[in-house]
Amino acid sequence: MYSWARDARPHSVLLPKRRIMPTNLELPIMVGLFTLVAAVIDFRLKRVPNYITVPAAVLGLAFHSLAPHGQGVWFALGGFGVGFALLLLPWIIGGGGMGDVKLLAALGAWLGPIMILIAFAGSAFVAACGALGVICYHTLQKGIGYTRRRYLVVEHAGGVSLDHSSSLAAAKKRRVLPFAVPVAVSTWLLLAWMLLQSMK
């Protein structure tokens, strides 16, 4: 998928080369740093600000457009579009923040249209496992009642229902795991796998 080697041409813009040269590790390093910073900020602030996502997207587009081992502007734009579309509907219906949409769009500009889908699927799995772990931990430590009030339900006059609050702040407060954290873990695992595959 990526031109991480100098001595071979990719047989497809969607498939990785088989060998890595140390001087061509800019992409995994930049992506790893971007996702790390985004995860730390999202964990602490419960949001991913524009000053993280916008420069990352621009750099991804510039890298693939101008770098000798980039995959081209259409590769980056395709990844950007796919990443943006993945969480657009949940954002429209109030199921997530715009920062999460921009995070995936910026990551897609680096990874391209295929790898961003894999990274997103991996992040969904990591998020599900992480959320289950957090809920189980709080249930054991503070009881089922606290866990239900904290993460799962809100009280209404007519009874108890799932939290569909229109307040984004309330939704973020109830979020079990900041979205950028599973995205970062999934991306790191994907990059590690690609690096190992390219060294064979």
Protein backbone atom coordinates (compact mmCIF):
# COMPACT_ATOMS: atom_id res chain seq x y z
CA MET A 1 0.00 0.00 0.00
CA TYR A 2 2.70 2.45 0.93
CA SER A 3 6.04 3.14 -0.67
CA TRP A 4 8.18 2.26 2.32
CA ALA A 5 10.89 0.78 0.09
CA ARG A 6 13.22 2.23 -2.48
CA ASP A 7 14.04 -0.87 -4.41
CA ALA A 8 10.59 -2.00 -5.54
CA ARG A 9 7.45 -0.60 -7.10
CA PRO A 10 4.03 -1.39 -5.60
CA HIS A 11 1.97 -3.84 -7.61
CA SER A 12 -1.15 -2.00 -6.45
CA VAL A 13 -1.86 1.32 -4.80
CA LEU A 14 -3.88 -0.63 -2.23
CA LEU A 15 -1.23 -3.18 -1.26
CA PRO A 16 1.97 -2.68 0.77
CA LYS A 17 5.46 -3.29 -0.53
CA ARG A 18 7.39 -6.17 0.87
CA ARG A 19 10.48 -4.40 2.21
CA ILE A 20 11.02 -1.42 4.46
CA MET A 21 13.96 0.93 4.40
CA PRO A 22 14.60 2.85 7.65
CA THR A 23 14.64 6.19 5.81
CA ASN A 24 11.08 5.63 4.54
CA LEU A 25 9.31 5.37 7.86
CA GLU A 26 7.87 8.87 7.80
CA LEU A 27 4.29 7.71 7.34
CA PRO A 28 4.06 5.22 10.23
CA ILE A 29 5.93 7.63 12.51
CA MET A 30 3.69 10.58 11.63
CA VAL A 31 0.50 8.53 11.89
CA GLY A 32 1.62 7.01 15.18
CA LEU A 33 2.37 10.44 16.67
CA PHE A 34 -0.88 11.93 15.39
CA THR A 35 -3.03 9.18 16.86
CA LEU A 36 -1.07 9.26 20.14
CA VAL A 37 -1.58 13.01 20.58
CA ALA A 38 -5.25 12.73 19.61
CA ALA A 39 -5.81 9.88 22.08
CA VAL A 40 -4.15 11.74 24.97
CA ILE A 41 -6.10 14.94 24.31
CA ASP A 42 -9.40 13.12 23.85
CA PHE A 43 -8.83 11.16 27.06
CA ARG A 44 -8.12 14.34 29.03
CA LEU A 45 -10.49 16.85 27.39
CA LYS A 46 -13.16 14.47 26.01
CA ARG A 47 -12.81 16.07 22.56
CA VAL A 48 -10.45 16.14 19.58
CA PRO A 49 -9.79 19.80 18.68
CA ASN A 50 -9.34 21.23 15.20
CA TYR A 51 -5.73 22.17 15.87
CA ILE A 52 -4.97 18.43 15.89
CA THR A 53 -7.15 17.11 13.06
CA VAL A 54 -6.91 19.88 10.46
CA PRO A 55 -3.08 20.05 10.28
CA ALA A 56 -2.94 16.23 10.27
CA ALA A 57 -5.32 16.07 7.29
CA VAL A 58 -3.38 18.73 5.38
CA LEU A 59 -0.09 16.96 6.07
CA GLY A 60 -1.53 13.64 4.92
CA LEU A 61 -2.73 15.15 1.64
CA ALA A 62 0.62 16.89 1.16
CA PHE A 63 2.58 13.74 1.95
CA HIS A 64 0.83 11.57 -0.60
CA SER A 65 0.80 14.38 -3.18
CA LEU A 66 4.43 15.53 -2.89
CA ALA A 67 6.56 12.87 -1.19
CA PRO A 68 8.54 10.57 -3.52
CA HIS A 69 6.99 7.50 -1.89
CA GLY A 70 3.48 8.96 -1.52
CA GLN A 71 0.52 7.28 -3.21
CA GLY A 72 -0.90 10.35 -4.90
CA VAL A 73 -3.51 12.97 -4.18
CA TRP A 74 -6.49 10.78 -5.17
CA PHE A 75 -5.38 8.10 -2.73
CA ALA A 76 -5.32 10.66 0.08
CA LEU A 77 -8.59 12.31 -0.96
CA GLY A 78 -10.28 8.92 -1.20
CA GLY A 79 -9.16 8.02 2.31
CA PHE A 80 -10.22 11.43 3.59
CA GLY A 81 -13.69 11.02 2.08
CA VAL A 82 -14.19 7.50 3.39
CA GLY A 83 -12.98 8.45 6.85
CA PHE A 84 -15.25 11.50 6.92
CA ALA A 85 -18.28 9.48 5.82
CA LEU A 86 -17.86 6.71 8.41
CA LEU A 87 -19.12 8.75 11.36
CA LEU A 88 -21.05 11.46 9.54
CA LEU A 89 -24.47 9.86 10.06
CA PRO A 90 -23.89 9.16 13.78
CA TRP A 91 -22.86 12.80 14.18
CA ILE A 92 -25.98 14.03 12.37
CA ILE A 93 -28.28 12.04 14.66
CA GLY A 94 -26.37 13.12 17.75
CA GLY A 95 -24.42 9.94 18.40
CA GLY A 96 -20.96 11.48 18.36
CA GLY A 97 -18.91 14.64 18.09
CA MET A 98 -17.63 16.38 14.99
CA GLY A 99 -14.12 15.95 16.34
CA ASP A 100 -14.47 12.19 15.89
CA VAL A 101 -15.58 12.68 12.28
CA LYS A 102 -12.57 14.90 11.59
CA LEU A 103 -10.26 12.46 13.35
CA LEU A 104 -11.19 9.63 10.98
CA ALA A 105 -11.06 11.96 7.97
CA ALA A 106 -7.54 13.08 8.85
CA LEU A 107 -6.44 9.51 9.52
CA GLY A 108 -7.95 8.45 6.20
CA ALA A 109 -5.87 11.06 4.40
CA TRP A 110 -2.81 9.15 5.60
CA LEU A 111 -4.03 5.56 5.40
CA GLY A 112 -6.13 5.67 2.23
CA PRO A 113 -9.63 4.33 1.57
CA ILE A 114 -8.99 0.64 2.33
CA MET A 115 -6.81 0.86 5.42
CA ILE A 116 -9.06 3.44 7.08
CA LEU A 117 -11.91 0.93 6.86
CA ILE A 118 -9.74 -1.71 8.53
CA ALA A 119 -8.59 0.76 11.19
CA PHE A 120 -12.19 1.78 11.86
CA ALA A 121 -13.35 -1.83 12.17
CA GLY A 122 -10.48 -2.54 14.54
CA SER A 123 -11.28 0.54 16.61
CA ALA A 124 -14.89 -0.57 16.94
CA PHE A 125 -13.73 -3.94 18.28
CA VAL A 126 -11.21 -2.32 20.67
CA ALA A 127 -13.85 0.16 21.83
CA ALA A 128 -16.35 -2.62 22.53
CA CYS A 129 -13.80 -4.60 24.54
CA GLY A 130 -12.61 -1.50 26.38
CA ALA A 131 -16.14 -0.36 27.20
CA LEU A 132 -17.05 -3.81 28.49
CA GLY A 133 -13.95 -3.80 30.68
CA VAL A 134 -14.66 -0.34 32.09
CA ILE A 135 -18.31 -1.19 32.81
CA CYS A 136 -17.37 -4.46 34.50
CA TYR A 137 -14.72 -2.71 36.59
CA HIS A 138 -17.11 0.00 37.81
CA THR A 139 -19.83 -2.56 38.43
CA LEU A 140 -17.52 -4.53 40.69
CA GLN A 141 -16.11 -1.45 42.41
CA LYS A 142 -19.19 0.77 42.78
CA GLY A 143 -22.17 -1.41 42.05
CA ILE A 144 -24.69 -1.88 39.28
CA GLY A 145 -26.74 1.17 40.23
CA TYR A 146 -23.82 3.56 39.84
CA THR A 147 -22.79 2.00 36.53
CA ARG A 148 -26.31 2.25 35.09
CA ARG A 149 -26.63 5.89 36.13
CA ARG A 150 -23.13 6.78 34.94
CA TYR A 151 -23.06 5.11 31.55
CA LEU A 152 -26.29 3.48 30.45
CA VAL A 153 -29.52 5.19 31.41
CA VAL A 154 -31.14 8.42 32.47
CA GLU A 155 -34.26 8.84 34.54
CA HIS A 156 -37.43 10.22 32.97
CA ALA A 157 -40.82 10.89 34.45
CA GLY A 158 -42.21 7.87 32.64
CA GLY A 159 -39.45 5.51 33.70
CA VAL A 160 -35.96 4.58 32.57
CA SER A 161 -34.70 4.71 29.00
CA LEU A 162 -31.46 4.75 27.09
CA ASP A 163 -29.63 8.06 27.07
CA HIS A 164 -30.64 9.97 23.92
CA SER A 165 -29.93 13.38 25.45
CA SER A 166 -29.73 16.23 22.99
CA SER A 167 -26.91 17.70 25.03
CA LEU A 168 -23.54 16.82 23.52
CA ALA A 169 -21.86 17.61 26.83
CA ALA A 170 -24.05 15.08 28.63
CA ALA A 171 -23.36 12.48 25.95
CA LYS A 172 -19.62 13.02 26.27
CA LYS A 173 -19.83 12.73 30.04
CA ARG A 174 -21.51 9.33 29.68
CA ARG A 175 -19.08 8.05 27.06
CA VAL A 176 -17.33 5.00 28.44
CA LEU A 177 -14.14 5.37 26.42
CA PRO A 178 -12.95 8.39 24.39
CA PHE A 179 -13.15 7.45 20.72
CA ALA A 180 -9.60 8.48 19.85
CA VAL A 181 -8.18 5.89 22.26
CA PRO A 182 -9.46 2.76 20.45
CA VAL A 183 -8.71 4.44 17.11
CA ALA A 184 -5.10 4.90 18.20
CA VAL A 185 -4.76 1.32 19.46
CA SER A 186 -6.29 -0.09 16.28
CA THR A 187 -4.07 2.09 14.08
CA TRP A 188 -0.91 1.10 15.94
CA LEU A 189 -1.76 -2.58 15.57
CA LEU A 190 -2.44 -2.07 11.88
CA LEU A 191 0.83 -0.22 11.33
CA ALA A 192 2.75 -2.88 13.25
CA TRP A 193 1.20 -5.61 11.11
CA MET A 194 2.03 -3.73 7.91
CA LEU A 195 5.62 -3.21 9.02
CA LEU A 196 6.01 -6.88 9.84
CA GLN A 197 4.47 -7.93 6.53
CA SER A 198 6.74 -5.61 4.54
CA MET A 199 9.86 -7.05 6.18
CA LYS A 200 9.12 -10.59 5.01
